[in-house]
Amino acid sequence: MTYEILETIYREFFWIALLFSLGVGFFGPGNVAFEGQTPRHQKWYNKFVNFVSGATGWLAFYVFITVFLANNGNGLSSGHVLLLIIGVLGIVGFLPKTLVEIINSMRTIIENAAKKLS
């Protein structure tokens, strides 16, 4: 049963991904703001970022499904799990916010390390 569901998703993947990416683009929860943006530009920028996030998530999910079907679920590694996590975050619309938070955390760590070294 799982194989038939995955096979159907695989066959109709482009249309499913496009429809849901557009949905995430217009109604996605990710909100990324930059200095100097007007509210109107920020609104359309966030719609574009959410659409790209959704498309990226569906692409990662597509690669994961392709590998899963080719290997019958055998030989999956941590890279495949990472693809699945990126896919899920992108599909539900949290990929932009997650990436911004990871980058901000790394910047904070680097700044703290630089202060301690100097």
N, C-alpha and C. Protein backbone atom coordinates (compact mmCIF):
# COMPACT_ATOMS: atom_id res chain seq x y z
N MET A 1 0.82 -1.19 0.00
CA MET A 1 0.00 0.00 0.00
C MET A 1 0.87 1.26 0.00
N THR A 2 1.90 1.29 0.83
CA THR A 2 2.79 2.46 0.87
C THR A 2 3.47 2.65 -0.48
N TYR A 3 3.86 1.55 -1.11
CA TYR A 3 4.53 1.65 -2.40
C TYR A 3 3.60 2.26 -3.44
N GLU A 4 2.31 1.90 -3.44
CA GLU A 4 1.36 2.45 -4.41
C GLU A 4 1.14 3.94 -4.19
N ILE A 5 1.09 4.37 -2.92
CA ILE A 5 0.92 5.79 -2.62
C ILE A 5 2.14 6.56 -3.10
N LEU A 6 3.35 6.05 -2.81
CA LEU A 6 4.56 6.72 -3.26
C LEU A 6 4.66 6.74 -4.78
N GLU A 7 4.22 5.67 -5.42
CA GLU A 7 4.25 5.61 -6.88
C GLU A 7 3.31 6.65 -7.50
N THR A 8 2.13 6.85 -6.92
CA THR A 8 1.19 7.86 -7.40
C THR A 8 1.75 9.27 -7.21
N ILE A 9 2.32 9.52 -6.04
CA ILE A 9 2.93 10.82 -5.79
C ILE A 9 4.08 11.05 -6.78
N TYR A 10 4.86 10.03 -7.02
CA TYR A 10 6.00 10.13 -7.94
C TYR A 10 5.52 10.43 -9.37
N ARG A 11 4.43 9.81 -9.78
CA ARG A 11 3.92 9.98 -11.14
C ARG A 11 3.34 11.38 -11.35
N GLU A 12 2.62 11.91 -10.38
CA GLU A 12 1.96 13.22 -10.49
C GLU A 12 2.71 14.30 -9.72
N PHE A 13 4.00 14.11 -9.54
CA PHE A 13 4.76 14.94 -8.62
C PHE A 13 4.82 16.41 -9.01
N PHE A 14 5.05 16.70 -10.28
CA PHE A 14 5.20 18.09 -10.71
C PHE A 14 3.97 18.92 -10.37
N TRP A 15 2.80 18.39 -10.65
CA TRP A 15 1.57 19.16 -10.41
C TRP A 15 1.28 19.31 -8.92
N ILE A 16 1.54 18.26 -8.17
CA ILE A 16 1.35 18.34 -6.72
C ILE A 16 2.30 19.38 -6.13
N ALA A 17 3.56 19.32 -6.54
CA ALA A 17 4.57 20.24 -6.01
C ALA A 17 4.25 21.68 -6.39
N LEU A 18 3.85 21.92 -7.63
CA LEU A 18 3.55 23.28 -8.07
C LEU A 18 2.36 23.84 -7.31
N LEU A 19 1.31 23.05 -7.16
CA LEU A 19 0.12 23.50 -6.46
C LEU A 19 0.43 23.83 -5.00
N PHE A 20 1.11 22.95 -4.32
CA PHE A 20 1.40 23.17 -2.91
C PHE A 20 2.46 24.26 -2.71
N SER A 21 3.41 24.41 -3.64
CA SER A 21 4.40 25.48 -3.52
C SER A 21 3.73 26.84 -3.68
N LEU A 22 2.79 26.94 -4.60
CA LEU A 22 2.03 28.19 -4.73
C LEU A 22 1.22 28.46 -3.47
N GLY A 23 0.65 27.42 -2.90
CA GLY A 23 -0.10 27.58 -1.65
C GLY A 23 0.78 28.05 -0.51
N VAL A 24 1.95 27.45 -0.39
CA VAL A 24 2.89 27.88 0.65
C VAL A 24 3.37 29.29 0.36
N GLY A 25 3.55 29.61 -0.91
CA GLY A 25 4.01 30.94 -1.28
C GLY A 25 3.05 32.03 -0.84
N PHE A 26 1.77 31.80 -1.02
CA PHE A 26 0.80 32.83 -0.68
C PHE A 26 0.35 32.79 0.78
N PHE A 27 0.38 31.61 1.39
CA PHE A 27 -0.16 31.50 2.75
C PHE A 27 0.87 30.97 3.75
N GLY A 28 2.14 30.91 3.35
CA GLY A 28 3.17 30.33 4.20
C GLY A 28 3.48 31.14 5.45
N PRO A 29 3.94 30.47 6.49
CA PRO A 29 4.21 31.14 7.76
C PRO A 29 5.55 31.85 7.82
N GLY A 30 6.46 31.55 6.89
CA GLY A 30 7.79 32.15 6.94
C GLY A 30 7.74 33.65 6.70
N ASN A 31 8.34 34.43 7.58
CA ASN A 31 8.36 35.87 7.46
C ASN A 31 9.77 36.35 7.71
N VAL A 32 10.45 36.75 6.64
CA VAL A 32 11.83 37.20 6.73
C VAL A 32 11.86 38.67 6.35
N ALA A 33 12.41 39.51 7.22
CA ALA A 33 12.44 40.95 6.97
C ALA A 33 13.88 41.43 6.87
N PHE A 34 14.10 42.39 5.99
CA PHE A 34 15.40 43.03 5.86
C PHE A 34 15.22 44.53 6.04
N GLU A 35 16.28 45.17 6.49
CA GLU A 35 16.22 46.61 6.71
C GLU A 35 16.01 47.34 5.39
N GLY A 36 15.24 48.40 5.44
CA GLY A 36 15.02 49.24 4.27
C GLY A 36 13.91 48.76 3.34
N GLN A 37 13.25 47.68 3.68
CA GLN A 37 12.15 47.20 2.84
C GLN A 37 10.86 47.90 3.24
N THR A 38 10.11 48.33 2.24
CA THR A 38 8.78 48.85 2.52
C THR A 38 7.87 47.67 2.81
N PRO A 39 6.77 47.89 3.51
CA PRO A 39 5.85 46.77 3.80
C PRO A 39 5.34 46.07 2.55
N ARG A 40 5.12 46.84 1.48
CA ARG A 40 4.63 46.23 0.24
C ARG A 40 5.69 45.32 -0.37
N HIS A 41 6.94 45.79 -0.41
CA HIS A 41 8.02 44.95 -0.94
C HIS A 41 8.26 43.73 -0.07
N GLN A 42 8.19 43.92 1.24
CA GLN A 42 8.40 42.80 2.16
C GLN A 42 7.32 41.74 1.96
N LYS A 43 6.09 42.17 1.73
CA LYS A 43 4.99 41.21 1.53
C LYS A 43 5.26 40.34 0.30
N TRP A 44 5.63 40.94 -0.84
CA TRP A 44 5.88 40.17 -2.06
C TRP A 44 7.17 39.39 -1.98
N TYR A 45 8.17 39.94 -1.30
CA TYR A 45 9.42 39.22 -1.11
C TYR A 45 9.18 37.95 -0.30
N ASN A 46 8.38 38.05 0.77
CA ASN A 46 8.08 36.88 1.59
C ASN A 46 7.27 35.84 0.82
N LYS A 47 6.37 36.28 -0.05
CA LYS A 47 5.63 35.33 -0.88
C LYS A 47 6.58 34.57 -1.80
N PHE A 48 7.54 35.31 -2.39
CA PHE A 48 8.51 34.68 -3.28
C PHE A 48 9.41 33.71 -2.50
N VAL A 49 9.91 34.15 -1.34
CA VAL A 49 10.77 33.29 -0.53
C VAL A 49 10.01 32.04 -0.08
N ASN A 50 8.76 32.18 0.31
CA ASN A 50 7.97 31.02 0.72
C ASN A 50 7.73 30.08 -0.45
N PHE A 51 7.50 30.63 -1.67
CA PHE A 51 7.31 29.78 -2.84
C PHE A 51 8.59 29.00 -3.14
N VAL A 52 9.73 29.68 -3.13
CA VAL A 52 11.01 29.01 -3.38
C VAL A 52 11.28 27.96 -2.30
N SER A 53 10.93 28.29 -1.06
CA SER A 53 11.09 27.33 0.04
C SER A 53 10.25 26.08 -0.21
N GLY A 54 9.01 26.28 -0.60
CA GLY A 54 8.14 25.14 -0.89
C GLY A 54 8.66 24.31 -2.05
N ALA A 55 9.12 24.99 -3.11
CA ALA A 55 9.66 24.27 -4.27
C ALA A 55 10.93 23.50 -3.89
N THR A 56 11.77 24.10 -3.06
CA THR A 56 12.98 23.42 -2.60
C THR A 56 12.62 22.20 -1.76
N GLY A 57 11.63 22.36 -0.89
CA GLY A 57 11.18 21.24 -0.07
C GLY A 57 10.65 20.09 -0.93
N TRP A 58 9.85 20.43 -1.93
CA TRP A 58 9.32 19.38 -2.80
C TRP A 58 10.42 18.74 -3.63
N LEU A 59 11.42 19.51 -4.05
CA LEU A 59 12.53 18.93 -4.80
C LEU A 59 13.31 17.96 -3.92
N ALA A 60 13.58 18.36 -2.68
CA ALA A 60 14.29 17.47 -1.75
C ALA A 60 13.48 16.21 -1.49
N PHE A 61 12.17 16.37 -1.34
CA PHE A 61 11.29 15.22 -1.13
C PHE A 61 11.27 14.31 -2.36
N TYR A 62 11.31 14.90 -3.55
CA TYR A 62 11.35 14.14 -4.80
C TYR A 62 12.62 13.29 -4.87
N VAL A 63 13.75 13.91 -4.54
CA VAL A 63 15.02 13.16 -4.55
C VAL A 63 14.96 12.03 -3.54
N PHE A 64 14.42 12.31 -2.36
CA PHE A 64 14.30 11.27 -1.34
C PHE A 64 13.43 10.11 -1.83
N ILE A 65 12.28 10.43 -2.42
CA ILE A 65 11.38 9.37 -2.91
C ILE A 65 12.06 8.58 -4.02
N THR A 66 12.78 9.26 -4.91
CA THR A 66 13.47 8.57 -6.00
C THR A 66 14.49 7.58 -5.46
N VAL A 67 15.27 8.01 -4.48
CA VAL A 67 16.27 7.12 -3.88
C VAL A 67 15.58 5.98 -3.13
N PHE A 68 14.51 6.30 -2.41
CA PHE A 68 13.79 5.29 -1.66
C PHE A 68 13.22 4.21 -2.58
N LEU A 69 12.60 4.64 -3.69
CA LEU A 69 12.03 3.67 -4.62
C LEU A 69 13.12 2.87 -5.34
N ALA A 70 14.25 3.51 -5.65
CA ALA A 70 15.33 2.81 -6.37
C ALA A 70 15.98 1.75 -5.48
N ASN A 71 16.08 2.03 -4.17
CA ASN A 71 16.77 1.11 -3.26
C ASN A 71 15.82 0.26 -2.43
N ASN A 72 14.54 0.39 -2.64
CA ASN A 72 13.54 -0.33 -1.85
C ASN A 72 13.70 -0.09 -0.35
N GLY A 73 14.16 1.11 0.00
CA GLY A 73 14.32 1.47 1.41
C GLY A 73 15.60 1.00 2.05
N ASN A 74 16.47 0.34 1.29
CA ASN A 74 17.73 -0.15 1.84
C ASN A 74 18.85 0.85 1.58
N GLY A 75 19.79 0.93 2.49
CA GLY A 75 20.96 1.77 2.30
C GLY A 75 20.74 3.25 2.52
N LEU A 76 19.71 3.62 3.27
CA LEU A 76 19.49 5.03 3.55
C LEU A 76 20.49 5.51 4.60
N SER A 77 21.01 6.72 4.40
CA SER A 77 22.03 7.25 5.29
C SER A 77 21.55 8.55 5.93
N SER A 78 22.44 9.19 6.67
CA SER A 78 22.09 10.46 7.31
C SER A 78 21.84 11.55 6.27
N GLY A 79 22.46 11.46 5.12
CA GLY A 79 22.19 12.41 4.04
C GLY A 79 20.76 12.33 3.55
N HIS A 80 20.23 11.13 3.51
CA HIS A 80 18.84 10.96 3.11
C HIS A 80 17.89 11.51 4.16
N VAL A 81 18.25 11.33 5.41
CA VAL A 81 17.44 11.89 6.50
C VAL A 81 17.46 13.41 6.43
N LEU A 82 18.62 13.99 6.11
CA LEU A 82 18.73 15.44 5.96
C LEU A 82 17.87 15.92 4.80
N LEU A 83 17.86 15.19 3.70
CA LEU A 83 16.98 15.53 2.58
C LEU A 83 15.52 15.51 3.02
N LEU A 84 15.15 14.51 3.79
CA LEU A 84 13.78 14.42 4.26
C LEU A 84 13.43 15.58 5.19
N ILE A 85 14.35 15.97 6.06
CA ILE A 85 14.11 17.10 6.97
C ILE A 85 13.97 18.40 6.18
N ILE A 86 14.85 18.63 5.21
CA ILE A 86 14.75 19.81 4.37
C ILE A 86 13.44 19.80 3.59
N GLY A 87 13.07 18.63 3.10
CA GLY A 87 11.81 18.50 2.38
C GLY A 87 10.61 18.87 3.24
N VAL A 88 10.57 18.33 4.44
CA VAL A 88 9.44 18.61 5.33
C VAL A 88 9.41 20.08 5.73
N LEU A 89 10.56 20.65 6.08
CA LEU A 89 10.61 22.07 6.45
C LEU A 89 10.18 22.95 5.28
N GLY A 90 10.60 22.61 4.07
CA GLY A 90 10.22 23.39 2.91
C GLY A 90 8.75 23.26 2.57
N ILE A 91 8.23 22.05 2.66
CA ILE A 91 6.83 21.81 2.30
C ILE A 91 5.89 22.53 3.25
N VAL A 92 6.20 22.54 4.54
CA VAL A 92 5.30 23.20 5.49
C VAL A 92 5.60 24.69 5.63
N GLY A 93 6.68 25.18 5.01
CA GLY A 93 6.94 26.61 4.97
C GLY A 93 7.87 27.16 6.03
N PHE A 94 8.53 26.31 6.78
CA PHE A 94 9.42 26.79 7.84
C PHE A 94 10.89 26.81 7.44
N LEU A 95 11.21 26.48 6.21
CA LEU A 95 12.61 26.45 5.78
C LEU A 95 13.28 27.82 5.83
N PRO A 96 12.65 28.91 5.34
CA PRO A 96 13.35 30.21 5.41
C PRO A 96 13.64 30.64 6.84
N LYS A 97 12.67 30.52 7.72
CA LYS A 97 12.85 30.92 9.12
C LYS A 97 13.93 30.07 9.78
N THR A 98 13.94 28.78 9.51
CA THR A 98 14.94 27.89 10.08
C THR A 98 16.34 28.26 9.62
N LEU A 99 16.50 28.53 8.32
CA LEU A 99 17.82 28.90 7.80
C LEU A 99 18.30 30.23 8.36
N VAL A 100 17.39 31.20 8.49
CA VAL A 100 17.77 32.49 9.07
C VAL A 100 18.20 32.32 10.51
N GLU A 101 17.49 31.50 11.27
CA GLU A 101 17.86 31.26 12.67
C GLU A 101 19.20 30.54 12.79
N ILE A 102 19.47 29.58 11.92
CA ILE A 102 20.76 28.88 11.94
C ILE A 102 21.89 29.85 11.63
N ILE A 103 21.70 30.70 10.62
CA ILE A 103 22.73 31.67 10.26
C ILE A 103 22.95 32.66 11.39
N ASN A 104 21.88 33.15 12.01
CA ASN A 104 22.02 34.08 13.13
C ASN A 104 22.72 33.42 14.31
N SER A 105 22.44 32.16 14.57
CA SER A 105 23.11 31.45 15.67
C SER A 105 24.59 31.30 15.39
N MET A 106 24.95 30.96 14.15
CA MET A 106 26.37 30.83 13.80
C MET A 106 27.07 32.18 13.92
N ARG A 107 26.41 33.25 13.50
CA ARG A 107 27.01 34.58 13.62
C ARG A 107 27.25 34.94 15.09
N THR A 108 26.29 34.64 15.95
CA THR A 108 26.44 34.91 17.37
C THR A 108 27.58 34.12 17.97
N ILE A 109 27.70 32.85 17.61
CA ILE A 109 28.79 32.01 18.10
C ILE A 109 30.14 32.57 17.66
N ILE A 110 30.25 32.97 16.40
CA ILE A 110 31.51 33.52 15.88
C ILE A 110 31.85 34.83 16.58
N GLU A 111 30.84 35.69 16.79
CA GLU A 111 31.08 36.96 17.48
C GLU A 111 31.54 36.72 18.92
N ASN A 112 30.92 35.78 19.61
CA ASN A 112 31.33 35.47 20.99
C ASN A 112 32.74 34.89 21.04
N ALA A 113 33.07 34.05 20.10
CA ALA A 113 34.42 33.47 20.05
C ALA A 113 35.45 34.55 19.74
N ALA A 114 35.11 35.50 18.85
CA ALA A 114 36.03 36.59 18.53
C ALA A 114 36.26 37.49 19.73
N LYS A 115 35.22 37.73 20.53
CA LYS A 115 35.37 38.57 21.73
C LYS A 115 36.28 37.89 22.75
N LYS A 116 36.14 36.58 22.89
CA LYS A 116 36.97 35.86 23.87
C LYS A 116 38.43 35.78 23.43
N LEU A 117 38.66 35.73 22.13
CA LEU A 117 40.03 35.65 21.62
C LEU A 117 40.74 36.99 21.64
N SER A 118 39.98 38.08 21.60
CA SER A 118 40.64 39.39 21.58
C SER A 118 40.70 40.04 22.93
